[in-house]
Amino acid sequence: MTGEKTERAIFTVQDVRKSFVWGAKGGAKETVALQDINLEVGAGEFVCLLGPSGCGKTTLLQMMAGLAKPSGGRIAFEDRPVQGPDPDRCYVFQRFVLFPWLTALGNVEFGLRFQKHDAAERRTLALAKMRLVGLEKFVDHYPFELSGGMQQRIALARALVIAPRALLMDEPFGSLDAQTRSQMQRELIRLWTAELHSEVTIVFVTHDIGESLLLADRVVLMTARPGTVKAIYDVDLPRPRDPFDPKFVELEKAIFKELEDEIARTRLQDA
């Protein structure tokens, strides 16, 4: 377990609170989703947000992306307040969110249309990222012609082609079957360690302890609602990681014990 601070933070989350007001006027009620979130994410770091359902992991990720605003506190990216979406912080959804009327290449090129690149430059940049994810032979295929794993690799290439400083990934492999999910985990680590490390920071939401330990430098464990940071674990194991390594298993058990308590609290809240 370790503390909250890093030597060179790219994201700084200070005393963040998020609440939702619901119900008719006069009888409106407030649900506090997140409370007193304090966290720093280092430049070039891979951090997983882990916690029970409803703890606010995705809400926190959305606020870091600028897709939602805190009710209180402050989120900064490279010492600048996050006030809205920015190409430097690219969000990758659980669902692939590809445009069905565009080819794979057209989907990867899409974000470049909003930057100052001509058609030839867009194609060159997009093809390079499709080669990076191993799909250069599928440039003319439409999303419905691709498997789930291939679609998610297209979504990843579309995010990388605009050269973001950070990738914010919301359970991107959650809808995939077990074999494809394992393949995508290995693929993401290959890309990050070989091609992106020190250039791209990743914040990754997951429900899966094993996935977090396979991927992350640090695992941030969140409490049941209102979500806050319960513990932060360093994962000081060489990559690629072996889930049967005794150190891996020991850490997995320690996190499971703490997470199990929060899952029990969530069940009591929902009862």
C-alpha atoms as a PDB file:
ATOM      1  CA  MET A   1       0.000   0.000   0.000  1.00  0.00           C
ATOM      2  CA  THR A   2       1.235   3.500  -0.671  1.00  0.00           C
ATOM      3  CA  GLY A   3       0.248   7.146  -0.302  1.00  0.00           C
ATOM      4  CA  GLU A   4      -1.670   9.459  -2.603  1.00  0.00           C
ATOM      5  CA  LYS A   5       1.131  11.630  -3.992  1.00  0.00           C
ATOM      6  CA  THR A   6       3.419  11.103  -6.958  1.00  0.00           C
ATOM      7  CA  GLU A   7       6.626  12.895  -7.895  1.00  0.00           C
ATOM      8  CA  ARG A   8       5.259  14.539 -11.038  1.00  0.00           C
ATOM      9  CA  ALA A   9       1.482  14.617 -11.171  1.00  0.00           C
ATOM     10  CA  ILE A  10      -0.351  14.998 -14.453  1.00  0.00           C
ATOM     11  CA  PHE A  11      -3.762  14.691 -12.755  1.00  0.00           C
ATOM     12  CA  THR A  12      -4.504  16.272  -9.388  1.00  0.00           C
ATOM     13  CA  VAL A  13      -7.830  15.557  -7.692  1.00  0.00           C
ATOM     14  CA  GLN A  14      -8.395  17.639  -4.551  1.00  0.00           C
ATOM     15  CA  ASP A  15     -11.323  17.289  -2.122  1.00  0.00           C
ATOM     16  CA  VAL A  16     -13.673  16.353  -4.953  1.00  0.00           C
ATOM     17  CA  ARG A  17     -17.331  15.816  -4.232  1.00  0.00           C
ATOM     18  CA  LYS A  18     -20.114  14.843  -6.638  1.00  0.00           C
ATOM     19  CA  SER A  19     -23.809  14.726  -5.845  1.00  0.00           C
ATOM     20  CA  PHE A  20     -26.976  14.260  -7.887  1.00  0.00           C
ATOM     21  CA  VAL A  21     -30.290  15.923  -7.094  1.00  0.00           C
ATOM     22  CA  TRP A  22     -33.426  14.045  -8.080  1.00  0.00           C
ATOM     23  CA  GLY A  23     -37.169  14.244  -7.520  1.00  0.00           C
ATOM     24  CA  ALA A  24     -39.760  16.979  -7.966  1.00  0.00           C
ATOM     25  CA  LYS A  25     -39.361  20.512  -6.634  1.00  0.00           C
ATOM     26  CA  GLY A  26     -40.217  20.737  -2.978  1.00  0.00           C
ATOM     27  CA  GLY A  27     -39.414  17.062  -2.503  1.00  0.00           C
ATOM     28  CA  ALA A  28     -36.025  16.939  -4.175  1.00  0.00           C
ATOM     29  CA  LYS A  29     -33.426  14.633  -2.675  1.00  0.00           C
ATOM     30  CA  GLU A  30     -29.666  14.508  -2.987  1.00  0.00           C
ATOM     31  CA  THR A  31     -27.506  11.446  -3.566  1.00  0.00           C
ATOM     32  CA  VAL A  32     -23.822  11.919  -2.781  1.00  0.00           C
ATOM     33  CA  ALA A  33     -21.884   9.770  -5.248  1.00  0.00           C
ATOM     34  CA  LEU A  34     -18.341  10.851  -4.363  1.00  0.00           C
ATOM     35  CA  GLN A  35     -16.965  12.496  -1.229  1.00  0.00           C
ATOM     36  CA  ASP A  36     -13.514  13.850  -0.341  1.00  0.00           C
ATOM     37  CA  ILE A  37     -11.635  12.313  -3.260  1.00  0.00           C
ATOM     38  CA  ASN A  38      -7.922  13.116  -3.139  1.00  0.00           C
ATOM     39  CA  LEU A  39      -5.634  11.536  -5.691  1.00  0.00           C
ATOM     40  CA  GLU A  40      -2.609  12.268  -7.830  1.00  0.00           C
ATOM     41  CA  VAL A  41      -1.748  10.377 -11.015  1.00  0.00           C
ATOM     42  CA  GLY A  42       1.805  10.616 -12.268  1.00  0.00           C
ATOM     43  CA  ALA A  43       2.802  11.384 -15.830  1.00  0.00           C
ATOM     44  CA  GLY A  44       3.294   8.128 -17.735  1.00  0.00           C
ATOM     45  CA  GLU A  45       1.620   6.108 -14.998  1.00  0.00           C
ATOM     46  CA  PHE A  46      -0.984   3.342 -15.403  1.00  0.00           C
ATOM     47  CA  VAL A  47      -3.594   3.578 -12.625  1.00  0.00           C
ATOM     48  CA  CYS A  48      -6.676   1.390 -12.165  1.00  0.00           C
ATOM     49  CA  LEU A  49      -9.773   2.573 -10.296  1.00  0.00           C
ATOM     50  CA  LEU A  50     -11.321  -0.431  -8.559  1.00  0.00           C
ATOM     51  CA  GLY A  51     -14.411  -0.654  -6.388  1.00  0.00           C
ATOM     52  CA  PRO A  52     -17.927  -2.032  -5.958  1.00  0.00           C
ATOM     53  CA  SER A  53     -20.737  -1.185  -8.367  1.00  0.00           C
ATOM     54  CA  GLY A  54     -22.128   2.281  -7.739  1.00  0.00           C
ATOM     55  CA  CYS A  55     -19.047   3.626  -5.945  1.00  0.00           C
ATOM     56  CA  GLY A  56     -18.515   6.402  -8.501  1.00  0.00           C
ATOM     57  CA  LYS A  57     -15.533   5.070 -10.485  1.00  0.00           C
ATOM     58  CA  THR A  58     -17.017   6.053 -13.839  1.00  0.00           C
ATOM     59  CA  THR A  59     -18.252   9.379 -12.473  1.00  0.00           C
ATOM     60  CA  LEU A  60     -14.729  10.210 -11.301  1.00  0.00           C
ATOM     61  CA  LEU A  61     -13.297   9.204 -14.680  1.00  0.00           C
ATOM     62  CA  GLN A  62     -15.862  11.372 -16.481  1.00  0.00           C
ATOM     63  CA  MET A  63     -14.920  14.361 -14.347  1.00  0.00           C
ATOM     64  CA  MET A  64     -11.232  13.792 -15.093  1.00  0.00           C
ATOM     65  CA  ALA A  65     -12.174  13.776 -18.782  1.00  0.00           C
ATOM     66  CA  GLY A  66     -14.223  16.973 -18.448  1.00  0.00           C
ATOM     67  CA  LEU A  67     -17.456  15.175 -19.375  1.00  0.00           C
ATOM     68  CA  ALA A  68     -18.974  15.982 -15.966  1.00  0.00           C
ATOM     69  CA  LYS A  69     -18.306  18.672 -13.359  1.00  0.00           C
ATOM     70  CA  PRO A  70     -17.582  18.186  -9.660  1.00  0.00           C
ATOM     71  CA  SER A  71     -20.078  19.523  -7.157  1.00  0.00           C
ATOM     72  CA  GLY A  72     -17.099  20.620  -5.081  1.00  0.00           C
ATOM     73  CA  GLY A  73     -13.331  20.459  -5.042  1.00  0.00           C
ATOM     74  CA  ARG A  74     -10.893  20.709  -7.909  1.00  0.00           C
ATOM     75  CA  ILE A  75      -9.528  18.524 -10.716  1.00  0.00           C
ATOM     76  CA  ALA A  76      -6.471  19.716 -12.617  1.00  0.00           C
ATOM     77  CA  PHE A  77      -4.610  18.302 -15.606  1.00  0.00           C
ATOM     78  CA  GLU A  78      -1.015  19.469 -15.983  1.00  0.00           C
ATOM     79  CA  ASP A  79      -1.778  22.147 -13.352  1.00  0.00           C
ATOM     80  CA  ARG A  80      -4.708  23.532 -15.360  1.00  0.00           C
ATOM     81  CA  PRO A  81      -8.305  23.172 -14.107  1.00  0.00           C
ATOM     82  CA  VAL A  82     -10.337  20.621 -16.070  1.00  0.00           C
ATOM     83  CA  GLN A  83     -13.234  22.636 -17.461  1.00  0.00           C
ATOM     84  CA  GLY A  84     -14.407  20.450 -20.337  1.00  0.00           C
ATOM     85  CA  PRO A  85     -13.273  17.799 -22.836  1.00  0.00           C
ATOM     86  CA  ASP A  86      -9.858  18.213 -24.421  1.00  0.00           C
ATOM     87  CA  PRO A  87      -7.969  16.189 -27.061  1.00  0.00           C
ATOM     88  CA  ASP A  88      -5.128  15.782 -24.554  1.00  0.00           C
ATOM     89  CA  ARG A  89      -7.478  13.622 -22.449  1.00  0.00           C
ATOM     90  CA  CYS A  90      -9.126  10.964 -24.603  1.00  0.00           C
ATOM     91  CA  TYR A  91     -12.039   8.880 -23.243  1.00  0.00           C
ATOM     92  CA  VAL A  92     -12.456   5.246 -24.293  1.00  0.00           C
ATOM     93  CA  PHE A  93     -15.921   3.838 -23.590  1.00  0.00           C
ATOM     94  CA  GLN A  94     -16.934   0.318 -22.595  1.00  0.00           C
ATOM     95  CA  ARG A  95     -19.022   0.089 -25.747  1.00  0.00           C
ATOM     96  CA  PHE A  96     -16.987   0.650 -28.854  1.00  0.00           C
ATOM     97  CA  VAL A  97     -19.036   3.656 -30.082  1.00  0.00           C
ATOM     98  CA  LEU A  98     -17.855   3.261 -33.659  1.00  0.00           C
ATOM     99  CA  PHE A  99     -19.685   4.933 -36.528  1.00  0.00           C
ATOM    100  CA  PRO A 100     -21.351   2.067 -38.412  1.00  0.00           C
ATOM    101  CA  TRP A 101     -21.419   3.967 -41.721  1.00  0.00           C
ATOM    102  CA  LEU A 102     -17.638   4.497 -41.705  1.00  0.00           C
ATOM    103  CA  THR A 103     -14.957   1.931 -42.486  1.00  0.00           C
ATOM    104  CA  ALA A 104     -12.386   0.995 -39.858  1.00  0.00           C
ATOM    105  CA  LEU A 105      -9.992   3.509 -41.420  1.00  0.00           C
ATOM    106  CA  GLY A 106     -12.715   6.159 -41.526  1.00  0.00           C
ATOM    107  CA  ASN A 107     -13.405   5.651 -37.827  1.00  0.00           C
ATOM    108  CA  VAL A 108      -9.728   6.011 -36.925  1.00  0.00           C
ATOM    109  CA  GLU A 109      -9.413   9.140 -39.086  1.00  0.00           C
ATOM    110  CA  PHE A 110     -12.525  10.776 -37.644  1.00  0.00           C
ATOM    111  CA  GLY A 111     -10.932  12.748 -34.796  1.00  0.00           C
ATOM    112  CA  LEU A 112      -8.241  14.089 -37.118  1.00  0.00           C
ATOM    113  CA  ARG A 113     -10.928  15.940 -39.090  1.00  0.00           C
ATOM    114  CA  PHE A 114     -11.024  18.459 -36.231  1.00  0.00           C
ATOM    115  CA  GLN A 115      -7.276  19.011 -36.353  1.00  0.00           C
ATOM    116  CA  LYS A 116      -5.237  20.719 -39.037  1.00  0.00           C
ATOM    117  CA  HIS A 117      -4.479  17.718 -41.229  1.00  0.00           C
ATOM    118  CA  ASP A 118      -5.264  17.320 -44.906  1.00  0.00           C
ATOM    119  CA  ALA A 119      -6.758  14.083 -46.266  1.00  0.00           C
ATOM    120  CA  ALA A 120      -3.377  12.535 -47.095  1.00  0.00           C
ATOM    121  CA  GLU A 121      -1.993  13.283 -43.635  1.00  0.00           C
ATOM    122  CA  ARG A 122      -5.105  11.866 -41.967  1.00  0.00           C
ATOM    123  CA  ARG A 123      -4.765   8.643 -43.909  1.00  0.00           C
ATOM    124  CA  THR A 124      -1.053   8.303 -43.142  1.00  0.00           C
ATOM    125  CA  LEU A 125      -1.547   8.888 -39.413  1.00  0.00           C
ATOM    126  CA  ALA A 126      -4.558   6.583 -39.216  1.00  0.00           C
ATOM    127  CA  LEU A 127      -2.816   3.776 -41.097  1.00  0.00           C
ATOM    128  CA  ALA A 128       0.148   4.013 -38.726  1.00  0.00           C
ATOM    129  CA  LYS A 129      -2.107   3.521 -35.700  1.00  0.00           C
ATOM    130  CA  MET A 130      -3.983   0.672 -37.403  1.00  0.00           C
ATOM    131  CA  ARG A 131      -0.637  -1.054 -37.932  1.00  0.00           C
ATOM    132  CA  LEU A 132       0.162  -0.429 -34.271  1.00  0.00           C
ATOM    133  CA  VAL A 133      -2.955  -2.356 -33.177  1.00  0.00           C
ATOM    134  CA  GLY A 134      -2.454  -5.030 -35.858  1.00  0.00           C
ATOM    135  CA  LEU A 135      -5.427  -4.194 -38.094  1.00  0.00           C
ATOM    136  CA  GLU A 136      -3.789  -2.738 -41.176  1.00  0.00           C
ATOM    137  CA  LYS A 137      -5.416  -5.499 -43.294  1.00  0.00           C
ATOM    138  CA  PHE A 138      -8.916  -4.402 -42.244  1.00  0.00           C
ATOM    139  CA  VAL A 139      -8.917  -0.747 -43.286  1.00  0.00           C
ATOM    140  CA  ASP A 140     -11.908  -1.162 -45.615  1.00  0.00           C
ATOM    141  CA  HIS A 141     -14.026  -3.282 -43.277  1.00  0.00           C
ATOM    142  CA  TYR A 142     -17.087  -1.848 -41.556  1.00  0.00           C
ATOM    143  CA  PRO A 143     -17.653  -2.312 -37.813  1.00  0.00           C
ATOM    144  CA  PHE A 144     -20.294  -5.019 -38.284  1.00  0.00           C
ATOM    145  CA  GLU A 145     -17.695  -7.078 -40.162  1.00  0.00           C
ATOM    146  CA  LEU A 146     -15.275  -7.031 -37.202  1.00  0.00           C
ATOM    147  CA  SER A 147     -15.207  -9.026 -33.956  1.00  0.00           C
ATOM    148  CA  GLY A 148     -15.693  -7.319 -30.602  1.00  0.00           C
ATOM    149  CA  GLY A 149     -11.977  -7.354 -29.877  1.00  0.00           C
ATOM    150  CA  MET A 150     -11.178  -5.895 -33.298  1.00  0.00           C
ATOM    151  CA  GLN A 151     -13.754  -3.149 -32.806  1.00  0.00           C
ATOM    152  CA  GLN A 152     -12.208  -2.218 -29.480  1.00  0.00           C
ATOM    153  CA  ARG A 153      -8.765  -2.107 -31.087  1.00  0.00           C
ATOM    154  CA  ILE A 154     -10.198   0.284 -33.686  1.00  0.00           C
ATOM    155  CA  ALA A 155     -11.577   2.414 -30.842  1.00  0.00           C
ATOM    156  CA  LEU A 156      -8.128   2.373 -29.225  1.00  0.00           C
ATOM    157  CA  ALA A 157      -6.424   3.349 -32.495  1.00  0.00           C
ATOM    158  CA  ARG A 158      -8.963   6.186 -32.926  1.00  0.00           C
ATOM    159  CA  ALA A 159      -8.018   7.467 -29.458  1.00  0.00           C
ATOM    160  CA  LEU A 160      -4.262   7.172 -30.012  1.00  0.00           C
ATOM    161  CA  VAL A 161      -4.196   8.821 -33.433  1.00  0.00           C
ATOM    162  CA  ILE A 162      -4.908  12.266 -31.977  1.00  0.00           C
ATOM    163  CA  ALA A 163      -1.818  11.864 -29.739  1.00  0.00           C
ATOM    164  CA  PRO A 164      -3.449  12.362 -26.324  1.00  0.00           C
ATOM    165  CA  ARG A 165      -1.429  12.882 -23.165  1.00  0.00           C
ATOM    166  CA  ALA A 166      -3.869  10.679 -21.223  1.00  0.00           C
ATOM    167  CA  LEU A 167      -6.236   7.806 -21.966  1.00  0.00           C
ATOM    168  CA  LEU A 168      -9.259   7.501 -19.685  1.00  0.00           C
ATOM    169  CA  MET A 169     -10.654   4.007 -20.167  1.00  0.00           C
ATOM    170  CA  ASP A 170     -14.059   3.053 -18.745  1.00  0.00           C
ATOM    171  CA  GLU A 171     -14.132  -0.757 -18.477  1.00  0.00           C
ATOM    172  CA  PRO A 172     -13.129  -0.999 -22.147  1.00  0.00           C
ATOM    173  CA  PHE A 173     -12.970  -4.803 -22.105  1.00  0.00           C
ATOM    174  CA  GLY A 174     -16.035  -5.407 -19.942  1.00  0.00           C
ATOM    175  CA  SER A 175     -18.318  -6.445 -22.793  1.00  0.00           C
ATOM    176  CA  LEU A 176     -15.826  -8.898 -24.330  1.00  0.00           C
ATOM    177  CA  ASP A 177     -15.732 -12.656 -23.813  1.00  0.00           C
ATOM    178  CA  ALA A 178     -13.062 -14.012 -21.448  1.00  0.00           C
ATOM    179  CA  GLN A 179     -10.578 -15.070 -24.129  1.00  0.00           C
ATOM    180  CA  THR A 180     -10.839 -11.810 -26.073  1.00  0.00           C
ATOM    181  CA  ARG A 181     -10.627  -9.819 -22.861  1.00  0.00           C
ATOM    182  CA  SER A 182      -7.382 -11.570 -21.919  1.00  0.00           C
ATOM    183  CA  GLN A 183      -6.009 -10.916 -25.403  1.00  0.00           C
ATOM    184  CA  MET A 184      -6.908  -7.219 -25.194  1.00  0.00           C
ATOM    185  CA  GLN A 185      -5.272  -6.891 -21.771  1.00  0.00           C
ATOM    186  CA  ARG A 186      -2.034  -8.280 -23.202  1.00  0.00           C
ATOM    187  CA  GLU A 187      -2.359  -6.051 -26.274  1.00  0.00           C
ATOM    188  CA  LEU A 188      -2.876  -2.914 -24.198  1.00  0.00           C
ATOM    189  CA  ILE A 189       0.153  -3.670 -22.031  1.00  0.00           C
ATOM    190  CA  ARG A 190       2.231  -4.396 -25.139  1.00  0.00           C
ATOM    191  CA  LEU A 191       1.275  -1.047 -26.648  1.00  0.00           C
ATOM    192  CA  TRP A 192       1.767   0.877 -23.448  1.00  0.00           C
ATOM    193  CA  THR A 193       5.129  -0.598 -22.479  1.00  0.00           C
ATOM    194  CA  ALA A 194       6.645  -0.766 -25.977  1.00  0.00           C
ATOM    195  CA  GLU A 195       5.126   2.220 -27.749  1.00  0.00           C
ATOM    196  CA  LEU A 196       3.496   4.669 -25.333  1.00  0.00           C
ATOM    197  CA  HIS A 197       5.223   4.478 -21.962  1.00  0.00           C
ATOM    198  CA  SER A 198       6.215   7.884 -20.524  1.00  0.00           C
ATOM    199  CA  GLU A 199       4.168   9.557 -23.250  1.00  0.00           C
ATOM    200  CA  VAL A 200       0.644   8.435 -22.337  1.00  0.00           C
ATOM    201  CA  THR A 201      -0.903   8.224 -18.880  1.00  0.00           C
ATOM    202  CA  ILE A 202      -3.710   5.685 -18.474  1.00  0.00           C
ATOM    203  CA  VAL A 203      -6.515   5.759 -15.912  1.00  0.00           C
ATOM    204  CA  PHE A 204      -8.551   2.574 -16.248  1.00  0.00           C
ATOM    205  CA  VAL A 205     -11.852   1.686 -14.522  1.00  0.00           C
ATOM    206  CA  THR A 206     -12.486  -1.967 -13.705  1.00  0.00           C
ATOM    207  CA  HIS A 207     -14.511  -4.204 -11.367  1.00  0.00           C
ATOM    208  CA  ASP A 208     -11.965  -6.994 -11.728  1.00  0.00           C
ATOM    209  CA  ILE A 209      -9.106  -7.308  -9.205  1.00  0.00           C
ATOM    210  CA  GLY A 210      -7.129  -9.643 -11.475  1.00  0.00           C
ATOM    211  CA  GLU A 211      -7.405  -7.251 -14.400  1.00  0.00           C
ATOM    212  CA  SER A 212      -6.233  -4.325 -12.275  1.00  0.00           C
ATOM    213  CA  LEU A 213      -3.183  -6.266 -11.076  1.00  0.00           C
ATOM    214  CA  LEU A 214      -2.280  -7.438 -14.570  1.00  0.00           C
ATOM    215  CA  LEU A 215      -2.364  -3.877 -15.896  1.00  0.00           C
ATOM    216  CA  ALA A 216      -1.655  -1.202 -13.321  1.00  0.00           C
ATOM    217  CA  ASP A 217       1.316   0.434 -11.638  1.00  0.00           C
ATOM    218  CA  ARG A 218      -1.072   1.360  -8.829  1.00  0.00           C
ATOM    219  CA  VAL A 219      -4.570   0.203  -7.897  1.00  0.00           C
ATOM    220  CA  VAL A 220      -6.867   2.756  -6.274  1.00  0.00           C
ATOM    221  CA  LEU A 221      -9.505   0.977  -4.184  1.00  0.00           C
ATOM    222  CA  MET A 222     -12.693   2.974  -3.642  1.00  0.00           C
ATOM    223  CA  THR A 223     -15.337   2.588  -0.958  1.00  0.00           C
ATOM    224  CA  ALA A 224     -19.057   2.002  -1.291  1.00  0.00           C
ATOM    225  CA  ARG A 225     -21.178   5.110  -1.933  1.00  0.00           C
ATOM    226  CA  PRO A 226     -20.333   7.839  -1.252  1.00  0.00           C
ATOM    227  CA  GLY A 227     -17.148   6.756  -2.944  1.00  0.00           C
ATOM    228  CA  THR A 228     -13.823   7.856  -1.584  1.00  0.00           C
ATOM    229  CA  VAL A 229     -10.302   6.454  -1.727  1.00  0.00           C
ATOM    230  CA  LYS A 230      -9.985   3.589   0.753  1.00  0.00           C
ATOM    231  CA  ALA A 231      -6.477   2.389  -0.144  1.00  0.00           C
ATOM    232  CA  ILE A 232      -3.840   2.629  -2.861  1.00  0.00           C
ATOM    233  CA  TYR A 233      -1.721  -0.412  -3.731  1.00  0.00           C
ATOM    234  CA  ASP A 234       1.605  -0.406  -5.541  1.00  0.00           C
ATOM    235  CA  VAL A 235       1.896  -3.292  -7.980  1.00  0.00           C
ATOM    236  CA  ASP A 236       5.649  -3.773  -7.971  1.00  0.00           C
ATOM    237  CA  LEU A 237       5.748  -6.804 -10.264  1.00  0.00           C
ATOM    238  CA  PRO A 238       7.523  -7.108 -13.627  1.00  0.00           C
ATOM    239  CA  ARG A 239       5.442  -7.229 -16.806  1.00  0.00           C
ATOM    240  CA  PRO A 240       4.083  -9.398 -18.313  1.00  0.00           C
ATOM    241  CA  ARG A 241       2.614 -10.549 -15.003  1.00  0.00           C
ATOM    242  CA  ASP A 242       1.848 -14.091 -13.972  1.00  0.00           C
ATOM    243  CA  PRO A 243      -1.492 -14.392 -12.093  1.00  0.00           C
ATOM    244  CA  PHE A 244      -0.117 -17.523 -10.383  1.00  0.00           C
ATOM    245  CA  ASP A 245       2.946 -15.718  -9.024  1.00  0.00           C
ATOM    246  CA  PRO A 246       2.763 -15.981  -5.198  1.00  0.00           C
ATOM    247  CA  LYS A 247       3.262 -12.200  -4.832  1.00  0.00           C
ATOM    248  CA  PHE A 248       0.427 -11.571  -7.320  1.00  0.00           C
ATOM    249  CA  VAL A 249      -1.862 -13.986  -5.439  1.00  0.00           C
ATOM    250  CA  GLU A 250      -0.967 -12.441  -2.071  1.00  0.00           C
ATOM    251  CA  LEU A 251      -1.805  -8.940  -3.281  1.00  0.00           C
ATOM    252  CA  GLU A 252      -4.993 -10.164  -4.930  1.00  0.00           C
ATOM    253  CA  LYS A 253      -6.139 -11.713  -1.636  1.00  0.00           C
ATOM    254  CA  ALA A 254      -5.363  -8.541   0.305  1.00  0.00           C
ATOM    255  CA  ILE A 255      -7.368  -6.379  -2.090  1.00  0.00           C
ATOM    256  CA  PHE A 256     -10.208  -8.904  -2.212  1.00  0.00           C
ATOM    257  CA  LYS A 257     -10.612  -8.759   1.568  1.00  0.00           C
ATOM    258  CA  GLU A 258     -10.926  -4.964   1.520  1.00  0.00           C
ATOM    259  CA  LEU A 259     -13.174  -4.948  -1.553  1.00  0.00           C
ATOM    260  CA  GLU A 260     -15.442  -7.616  -0.065  1.00  0.00           C
ATOM    261  CA  ASP A 261     -16.205  -5.307   2.871  1.00  0.00           C
ATOM    262  CA  GLU A 262     -17.252  -2.522   0.466  1.00  0.00           C
ATOM    263  CA  ILE A 263     -19.416  -4.891  -1.586  1.00  0.00           C
ATOM    264  CA  ALA A 264     -21.188  -5.896   1.641  1.00  0.00           C
ATOM    265  CA  ARG A 265     -21.789  -2.213   2.444  1.00  0.00           C
ATOM    266  CA  THR A 266     -23.223  -1.680  -1.034  1.00  0.00           C
ATOM    267  CA  ARG A 267     -25.656  -4.564  -0.544  1.00  0.00           C
ATOM    268  CA  LEU A 268     -26.853  -3.057   2.741  1.00  0.00           C
ATOM    269  CA  GLN A 269     -27.385   0.311   1.016  1.00  0.00           C
ATOM    270  CA  ASP A 270     -29.437  -1.323  -1.745  1.00  0.00           C
ATOM    271  CA  ALA A 271     -31.485  -3.539   0.571  1.00  0.00           C
END
